[in-house]
């Protein structure tokens, strides 16, 4: 799968791309991530500006339409496969596991990272991207949001996880409305806290029933809204 990230700060991604499962997936050529500096498409002046004050007044600066559209159109030509365009904005549709699973079926995603007060509205009007938000809060820019989406999508791709079943029981996965059950490993007891006996019983039917009960209980306590949506 290929990711194209349009950003004013491509260096932010350098360390992130070398670590953990993502770094291994890139090494094994299961994933490609390409960063594109929006300033490369700025007007050829001394400072290469890509932002300007909004018409009508108001605080902050806006990312200009011309360099953004030119960048996206040029980047799309760098591969044979068309890209699914994702514009990261607090005003977008809330990102969740179901959306991550949908994105994972795409061969190529282009993530547009906003800064300042966001993009000129004509970026959306012309490019018609899907507008996506990772939550009801505001970040300094879309780069962190892009990392969240890449991280959530990459782990769903075939061959990335060591065990293909690892993501099945994850909270929110594949339409699952229950939070994941608690997990334990060695030692069996630590400072008076012991592993539940059922998990060391060897009774797989009892273990499955316990895990289902724990998932339901945890969801009721922490995210009862997930059960009300049914």
C-alpha atoms as a PDB file:
ATOM      1  CA  UNK A   1       0.000   0.000   0.000  1.00  0.00           C
ATOM      2  CA  UNK A   2       1.208   3.506  -0.788  1.00  0.00           C
ATOM      3  CA  UNK A   3       0.757   6.624   1.348  1.00  0.00           C
ATOM      4  CA  UNK A   4       1.492  10.104  -0.020  1.00  0.00           C
ATOM      5  CA  UNK A   5       1.676  12.765   2.693  1.00  0.00           C
ATOM      6  CA  UNK A   6       1.456  16.412   1.665  1.00  0.00           C
ATOM      7  CA  UNK A   7       2.919  18.557   4.432  1.00  0.00           C
ATOM      8  CA  UNK A   8       4.879  21.690   5.235  1.00  0.00           C
ATOM      9  CA  UNK A   9       7.055  19.674   7.667  1.00  0.00           C
ATOM     10  CA  UNK A  10       8.122  16.369   6.070  1.00  0.00           C
ATOM     11  CA  UNK A  11      10.959  15.887   8.575  1.00  0.00           C
ATOM     12  CA  UNK A  12       8.378  15.196  11.296  1.00  0.00           C
ATOM     13  CA  UNK A  13       7.822  11.736   9.818  1.00  0.00           C
ATOM     14  CA  UNK A  14      11.435  10.603   9.535  1.00  0.00           C
ATOM     15  CA  UNK A  15      11.831   9.013  12.973  1.00  0.00           C
ATOM     16  CA  UNK A  16       8.292   7.681  13.034  1.00  0.00           C
ATOM     17  CA  UNK A  17       8.771   5.749   9.790  1.00  0.00           C
ATOM     18  CA  UNK A  18      11.771   3.787  11.064  1.00  0.00           C
ATOM     19  CA  UNK A  19      10.203   2.374  14.233  1.00  0.00           C
ATOM     20  CA  UNK A  20       8.156  -0.676  15.226  1.00  0.00           C
ATOM     21  CA  UNK A  21       5.777  -2.497  12.917  1.00  0.00           C
ATOM     22  CA  UNK A  22       5.665   0.397  10.466  1.00  0.00           C
ATOM     23  CA  UNK A  23       9.427   0.421  10.038  1.00  0.00           C
ATOM     24  CA  UNK A  24       9.435  -3.339   9.458  1.00  0.00           C
ATOM     25  CA  UNK A  25       6.535  -3.098   7.001  1.00  0.00           C
ATOM     26  CA  UNK A  26       8.453  -0.498   4.994  1.00  0.00           C
ATOM     27  CA  UNK A  27      11.603  -2.625   5.025  1.00  0.00           C
ATOM     28  CA  UNK A  28       9.602  -5.610   3.762  1.00  0.00           C
ATOM     29  CA  UNK A  29       8.061  -3.410   1.048  1.00  0.00           C
ATOM     30  CA  UNK A  30       4.531  -4.020   2.298  1.00  0.00           C
ATOM     31  CA  UNK A  31       4.073  -0.264   2.667  1.00  0.00           C
ATOM     32  CA  UNK A  32       5.441   2.802   0.912  1.00  0.00           C
ATOM     33  CA  UNK A  33       5.313   6.237   2.509  1.00  0.00           C
ATOM     34  CA  UNK A  34       6.267   9.305   0.495  1.00  0.00           C
ATOM     35  CA  UNK A  35       6.392  12.788   2.004  1.00  0.00           C
ATOM     36  CA  UNK A  36       5.893  15.794  -0.267  1.00  0.00           C
ATOM     37  CA  UNK A  37       6.936  19.267   0.856  1.00  0.00           C
ATOM     38  CA  UNK A  38       4.185  21.682  -0.124  1.00  0.00           C
ATOM     39  CA  UNK A  39       6.757  24.455  -0.425  1.00  0.00           C
ATOM     40  CA  UNK A  40       8.177  22.740  -3.512  1.00  0.00           C
ATOM     41  CA  UNK A  41       5.062  23.944  -5.327  1.00  0.00           C
ATOM     42  CA  UNK A  42       5.162  27.477  -3.935  1.00  0.00           C
ATOM     43  CA  UNK A  43       5.664  30.483  -6.241  1.00  0.00           C
ATOM     44  CA  UNK A  44       9.333  30.866  -7.089  1.00  0.00           C
ATOM     45  CA  UNK A  45      10.122  33.760  -4.797  1.00  0.00           C
ATOM     46  CA  UNK A  46      12.754  34.197  -2.112  1.00  0.00           C
ATOM     47  CA  UNK A  47      10.698  32.840   0.788  1.00  0.00           C
ATOM     48  CA  UNK A  48       8.438  30.401  -1.144  1.00  0.00           C
ATOM     49  CA  UNK A  49       5.226  31.368   0.703  1.00  0.00           C
ATOM     50  CA  UNK A  50       2.345  28.914   0.671  1.00  0.00           C
ATOM     51  CA  UNK A  51       0.104  30.852   3.058  1.00  0.00           C
ATOM     52  CA  UNK A  52      -1.579  34.235   3.147  1.00  0.00           C
ATOM     53  CA  UNK A  53      -4.050  36.308   5.155  1.00  0.00           C
ATOM     54  CA  UNK A  54      -7.741  35.425   4.722  1.00  0.00           C
ATOM     55  CA  UNK A  55      -9.954  37.699   2.670  1.00  0.00           C
ATOM     56  CA  UNK A  56     -12.430  39.508   4.924  1.00  0.00           C
ATOM     57  CA  UNK A  57      -9.986  39.674   7.794  1.00  0.00           C
ATOM     58  CA  UNK A  58      -9.598  37.468  10.821  1.00  0.00           C
ATOM     59  CA  UNK A  59      -6.752  35.867  12.767  1.00  0.00           C
ATOM     60  CA  UNK A  60      -4.129  33.517  11.378  1.00  0.00           C
ATOM     61  CA  UNK A  61      -3.099  32.481   7.900  1.00  0.00           C
ATOM     62  CA  UNK A  62      -4.544  30.117   5.295  1.00  0.00           C
ATOM     63  CA  UNK A  63      -2.721  27.623   3.085  1.00  0.00           C
ATOM     64  CA  UNK A  64      -3.143  28.813  -0.475  1.00  0.00           C
ATOM     65  CA  UNK A  65      -5.121  26.950  -3.100  1.00  0.00           C
ATOM     66  CA  UNK A  66      -2.647  27.190  -6.003  1.00  0.00           C
ATOM     67  CA  UNK A  67       0.366  25.345  -4.511  1.00  0.00           C
ATOM     68  CA  UNK A  68      -1.911  22.774  -2.864  1.00  0.00           C
ATOM     69  CA  UNK A  69      -3.811  21.849  -6.019  1.00  0.00           C
ATOM     70  CA  UNK A  70      -0.637  21.836  -8.115  1.00  0.00           C
ATOM     71  CA  UNK A  71       1.088  19.610  -5.561  1.00  0.00           C
ATOM     72  CA  UNK A  72      -1.733  17.068  -5.349  1.00  0.00           C
ATOM     73  CA  UNK A  73      -2.124  16.823  -9.107  1.00  0.00           C
ATOM     74  CA  UNK A  74       1.635  16.402  -9.612  1.00  0.00           C
ATOM     75  CA  UNK A  75       1.995  13.814  -6.863  1.00  0.00           C
ATOM     76  CA  UNK A  76      -0.863  11.731  -8.225  1.00  0.00           C
ATOM     77  CA  UNK A  77       1.065  11.329 -11.464  1.00  0.00           C
ATOM     78  CA  UNK A  78       4.016   9.765  -9.614  1.00  0.00           C
ATOM     79  CA  UNK A  79       2.319   6.343  -9.580  1.00  0.00           C
ATOM     80  CA  UNK A  80      -0.008   4.498 -11.927  1.00  0.00           C
ATOM     81  CA  UNK A  81      -2.661   4.030  -9.263  1.00  0.00           C
ATOM     82  CA  UNK A  82      -5.064   6.865  -8.457  1.00  0.00           C
ATOM     83  CA  UNK A  83      -5.032   8.123  -4.870  1.00  0.00           C
ATOM     84  CA  UNK A  84      -7.869   8.385  -2.394  1.00  0.00           C
ATOM     85  CA  UNK A  85      -7.583  11.966  -1.147  1.00  0.00           C
ATOM     86  CA  UNK A  86      -7.941  12.603   2.594  1.00  0.00           C
ATOM     87  CA  UNK A  87      -7.887  16.150   3.975  1.00  0.00           C
ATOM     88  CA  UNK A  88      -7.222  16.257   7.714  1.00  0.00           C
ATOM     89  CA  UNK A  89      -9.353  18.857   9.481  1.00  0.00           C
ATOM     90  CA  UNK A  90     -11.217  19.197  12.816  1.00  0.00           C
ATOM     91  CA  UNK A  91     -14.333  19.771  10.719  1.00  0.00           C
ATOM     92  CA  UNK A  92     -14.174  16.360   9.058  1.00  0.00           C
ATOM     93  CA  UNK A  93     -15.930  13.075   9.675  1.00  0.00           C
ATOM     94  CA  UNK A  94     -14.727  11.338  12.840  1.00  0.00           C
ATOM     95  CA  UNK A  95     -12.044   8.716  12.169  1.00  0.00           C
ATOM     96  CA  UNK A  96     -12.766   5.329  13.721  1.00  0.00           C
ATOM     97  CA  UNK A  97     -11.845   1.674  13.328  1.00  0.00           C
ATOM     98  CA  UNK A  98     -14.490   1.094  10.680  1.00  0.00           C
ATOM     99  CA  UNK A  99     -13.018   3.906   8.596  1.00  0.00           C
ATOM    100  CA  UNK A 100      -9.522   2.479   9.111  1.00  0.00           C
ATOM    101  CA  UNK A 101     -10.729  -0.881   7.802  1.00  0.00           C
ATOM    102  CA  UNK A 102     -12.232   0.860   4.775  1.00  0.00           C
ATOM    103  CA  UNK A 103      -9.006   2.779   4.106  1.00  0.00           C
ATOM    104  CA  UNK A 104      -7.024  -0.472   4.355  1.00  0.00           C
ATOM    105  CA  UNK A 105      -8.841  -1.774   1.276  1.00  0.00           C
ATOM    106  CA  UNK A 106      -7.490   1.153  -0.760  1.00  0.00           C
ATOM    107  CA  UNK A 107      -4.238   0.728  -2.600  1.00  0.00           C
ATOM    108  CA  UNK A 108      -3.170   4.349  -2.179  1.00  0.00           C
ATOM    109  CA  UNK A 109      -4.042   7.148   0.240  1.00  0.00           C
ATOM    110  CA  UNK A 110      -3.023  10.787  -0.070  1.00  0.00           C
ATOM    111  CA  UNK A 111      -3.103  12.652   3.255  1.00  0.00           C
ATOM    112  CA  UNK A 112      -3.228  16.447   3.167  1.00  0.00           C
ATOM    113  CA  UNK A 113      -1.900  17.966   6.401  1.00  0.00           C
ATOM    114  CA  UNK A 114      -3.257  21.385   7.235  1.00  0.00           C
ATOM    115  CA  UNK A 115      -1.531  24.120   9.243  1.00  0.00           C
ATOM    116  CA  UNK A 116      -2.428  27.551  10.586  1.00  0.00           C
ATOM    117  CA  UNK A 117      -6.162  28.202  10.021  1.00  0.00           C
ATOM    118  CA  UNK A 118      -6.403  25.397   7.458  1.00  0.00           C
ATOM    119  CA  UNK A 119      -6.760  25.358   3.677  1.00  0.00           C
ATOM    120  CA  UNK A 120      -8.394  27.830   1.343  1.00  0.00           C
ATOM    121  CA  UNK A 121     -11.942  26.495   0.764  1.00  0.00           C
ATOM    122  CA  UNK A 122     -11.187  26.091  -2.944  1.00  0.00           C
ATOM    123  CA  UNK A 123      -8.832  23.229  -2.121  1.00  0.00           C
ATOM    124  CA  UNK A 124     -11.885  21.234  -1.069  1.00  0.00           C
ATOM    125  CA  UNK A 125     -14.033  22.560  -3.891  1.00  0.00           C
ATOM    126  CA  UNK A 126     -11.529  21.580  -6.591  1.00  0.00           C
ATOM    127  CA  UNK A 127      -9.909  18.411  -5.228  1.00  0.00           C
ATOM    128  CA  UNK A 128     -13.044  17.042  -3.518  1.00  0.00           C
ATOM    129  CA  UNK A 129     -11.144  15.125  -0.803  1.00  0.00           C
ATOM    130  CA  UNK A 130     -12.743  13.202   2.031  1.00  0.00           C
ATOM    131  CA  UNK A 131     -12.498  15.420   5.107  1.00  0.00           C
ATOM    132  CA  UNK A 132     -11.442  13.477   8.207  1.00  0.00           C
ATOM    133  CA  UNK A 133     -10.918  14.390  11.870  1.00  0.00           C
ATOM    134  CA  UNK A 134      -9.284  12.211  14.526  1.00  0.00           C
ATOM    135  CA  UNK A 135     -11.290  13.835  17.325  1.00  0.00           C
ATOM    136  CA  UNK A 136     -13.032  16.863  18.722  1.00  0.00           C
ATOM    137  CA  UNK A 137      -9.909  18.879  19.431  1.00  0.00           C
ATOM    138  CA  UNK A 138      -7.486  21.071  17.510  1.00  0.00           C
ATOM    139  CA  UNK A 139      -3.844  20.230  16.796  1.00  0.00           C
ATOM    140  CA  UNK A 140      -1.069  22.502  15.560  1.00  0.00           C
ATOM    141  CA  UNK A 141      -1.195  20.679  12.243  1.00  0.00           C
ATOM    142  CA  UNK A 142      -2.372  17.581  10.451  1.00  0.00           C
ATOM    143  CA  UNK A 143       0.901  15.664  10.717  1.00  0.00           C
ATOM    144  CA  UNK A 144       0.053  13.920  13.994  1.00  0.00           C
ATOM    145  CA  UNK A 145      -3.388  13.064  12.619  1.00  0.00           C
ATOM    146  CA  UNK A 146      -1.736  11.608   9.514  1.00  0.00           C
ATOM    147  CA  UNK A 147       0.447   9.397  11.714  1.00  0.00           C
ATOM    148  CA  UNK A 148      -2.642   8.172  13.569  1.00  0.00           C
ATOM    149  CA  UNK A 149      -4.325   7.170  10.314  1.00  0.00           C
ATOM    150  CA  UNK A 150      -1.200   5.515   8.922  1.00  0.00           C
ATOM    151  CA  UNK A 151      -0.710   3.581  12.158  1.00  0.00           C
ATOM    152  CA  UNK A 152      -4.307   2.374  12.324  1.00  0.00           C
ATOM    153  CA  UNK A 153      -4.408   1.370   8.656  1.00  0.00           C
ATOM    154  CA  UNK A 154      -1.003  -0.276   8.316  1.00  0.00           C
ATOM    155  CA  UNK A 155      -1.600  -2.819  11.072  1.00  0.00           C
ATOM    156  CA  UNK A 156      -4.656  -4.069   9.145  1.00  0.00           C
ATOM    157  CA  UNK A 157      -2.678  -4.859   5.993  1.00  0.00           C
ATOM    158  CA  UNK A 158      -1.876  -8.518   5.242  1.00  0.00           C
ATOM    159  CA  UNK A 159       1.538  -9.581   6.496  1.00  0.00           C
ATOM    160  CA  UNK A 160       2.180  -6.600   8.780  1.00  0.00           C
ATOM    161  CA  UNK A 161       1.252  -8.252  12.089  1.00  0.00           C
ATOM    162  CA  UNK A 162       3.094 -11.388  13.119  1.00  0.00           C
ATOM    163  CA  UNK A 163      -0.230 -13.115  13.782  1.00  0.00           C
ATOM    164  CA  UNK A 164      -3.015 -12.314  11.322  1.00  0.00           C
ATOM    165  CA  UNK A 165      -5.565 -12.863  14.120  1.00  0.00           C
ATOM    166  CA  UNK A 166      -3.979 -10.263  16.406  1.00  0.00           C
ATOM    167  CA  UNK A 167      -6.308  -7.460  15.328  1.00  0.00           C
ATOM    168  CA  UNK A 168      -9.552  -9.452  15.356  1.00  0.00           C
ATOM    169  CA  UNK A 169     -10.275  -9.005  19.077  1.00  0.00           C
ATOM    170  CA  UNK A 170      -9.083  -5.394  19.204  1.00  0.00           C
ATOM    171  CA  UNK A 171     -11.524  -2.842  20.530  1.00  0.00           C
ATOM    172  CA  UNK A 172     -13.818  -1.601  17.737  1.00  0.00           C
ATOM    173  CA  UNK A 173     -12.436  -4.076  15.166  1.00  0.00           C
ATOM    174  CA  UNK A 174     -14.618  -5.438  12.367  1.00  0.00           C
ATOM    175  CA  UNK A 175     -17.805  -3.965  13.741  1.00  0.00           C
ATOM    176  CA  UNK A 176     -17.080  -5.147  17.292  1.00  0.00           C
ATOM    177  CA  UNK A 177     -18.894  -2.840  19.735  1.00  0.00           C
ATOM    178  CA  UNK A 178     -17.182  -4.264  22.817  1.00  0.00           C
ATOM    179  CA  UNK A 179     -13.902  -3.084  24.266  1.00  0.00           C
ATOM    180  CA  UNK A 180     -11.131  -5.635  24.432  1.00  0.00           C
ATOM    181  CA  UNK A 181     -10.971  -7.870  27.506  1.00  0.00           C
ATOM    182  CA  UNK A 182      -8.103  -7.531  30.053  1.00  0.00           C
ATOM    183  CA  UNK A 183      -4.938  -9.493  29.292  1.00  0.00           C
ATOM    184  CA  UNK A 184      -2.223 -10.909  31.552  1.00  0.00           C
ATOM    185  CA  UNK A 185       1.253 -12.419  31.253  1.00  0.00           C
ATOM    186  CA  UNK A 186       3.983 -13.602  33.652  1.00  0.00           C
ATOM    187  CA  UNK A 187       4.432 -13.466  36.587  1.00  0.00           C
ATOM    188  CA  UNK A 188       1.205 -15.024  37.827  1.00  0.00           C
ATOM    189  CA  UNK A 189       1.233 -12.858  40.960  1.00  0.00           C
ATOM    190  CA  UNK A 190       2.695  -9.405  41.589  1.00  0.00           C
ATOM    191  CA  UNK A 191       2.222  -7.337  44.761  1.00  0.00           C
ATOM    192  CA  UNK A 192      -0.903  -9.207  45.683  1.00  0.00           C
ATOM    193  CA  UNK A 193      -2.460  -9.002  42.222  1.00  0.00           C
ATOM    194  CA  UNK A 194      -2.920 -12.463  40.722  1.00  0.00           C
ATOM    195  CA  UNK A 195      -3.850 -13.623  37.239  1.00  0.00           C
ATOM    196  CA  UNK A 196      -7.484 -14.875  37.204  1.00  0.00           C
ATOM    197  CA  UNK A 197      -7.534 -18.638  37.711  1.00  0.00           C
ATOM    198  CA  UNK A 198      -9.637 -19.249  34.619  1.00  0.00           C
ATOM    199  CA  UNK A 199      -6.804 -18.063  32.360  1.00  0.00           C
ATOM    200  CA  UNK A 200      -4.454 -20.738  33.690  1.00  0.00           C
ATOM    201  CA  UNK A 201      -7.089 -23.504  33.773  1.00  0.00           C
ATOM    202  CA  UNK A 202      -6.544 -24.760  30.245  1.00  0.00           C
ATOM    203  CA  UNK A 203     -10.330 -24.755  29.725  1.00  0.00           C
ATOM    204  CA  UNK A 204     -10.603 -22.850  26.445  1.00  0.00           C
ATOM    205  CA  UNK A 205     -14.398 -22.729  26.506  1.00  0.00           C
ATOM    206  CA  UNK A 206     -14.370 -21.209  29.986  1.00  0.00           C
ATOM    207  CA  UNK A 207     -11.646 -18.750  28.951  1.00  0.00           C
ATOM    208  CA  UNK A 208     -13.679 -17.615  25.934  1.00  0.00           C
ATOM    209  CA  UNK A 209     -16.770 -17.119  28.096  1.00  0.00           C
ATOM    210  CA  UNK A 210     -14.769 -15.163  30.693  1.00  0.00           C
ATOM    211  CA  UNK A 211     -13.279 -12.904  28.035  1.00  0.00           C
ATOM    212  CA  UNK A 212     -16.684 -12.182  26.524  1.00  0.00           C
ATOM    213  CA  UNK A 213     -18.105 -11.360  29.960  1.00  0.00           C
ATOM    214  CA  UNK A 214     -15.145  -9.095  30.755  1.00  0.00           C
ATOM    215  CA  UNK A 215     -15.486  -7.276  27.427  1.00  0.00           C
ATOM    216  CA  UNK A 216     -19.153  -6.610  28.079  1.00  0.00           C
ATOM    217  CA  UNK A 217     -18.490  -5.446  31.647  1.00  0.00           C
ATOM    218  CA  UNK A 218     -15.644  -3.156  30.595  1.00  0.00           C
ATOM    219  CA  UNK A 219     -17.748  -1.645  27.806  1.00  0.00           C
ATOM    220  CA  UNK A 220     -20.647  -0.956  30.196  1.00  0.00           C
ATOM    221  CA  UNK A 221     -18.294   0.755  32.641  1.00  0.00           C
ATOM    222  CA  UNK A 222     -16.193   2.771  30.204  1.00  0.00           C
ATOM    223  CA  UNK A 223     -18.116   3.207  26.945  1.00  0.00           C
ATOM    224  CA  UNK A 224     -21.789   2.477  27.533  1.00  0.00           C
ATOM    225  CA  UNK A 225     -22.552   4.650  24.509  1.00  0.00           C
ATOM    226  CA  UNK A 226     -21.304   1.842  22.277  1.00  0.00           C
ATOM    227  CA  UNK A 227     -24.053  -0.440  23.593  1.00  0.00           C
ATOM    228  CA  UNK A 228     -26.761   2.221  23.222  1.00  0.00           C
ATOM    229  CA  UNK A 229     -25.938   2.519  19.526  1.00  0.00           C
ATOM    230  CA  UNK A 230     -27.172  -1.018  18.878  1.00  0.00           C
END
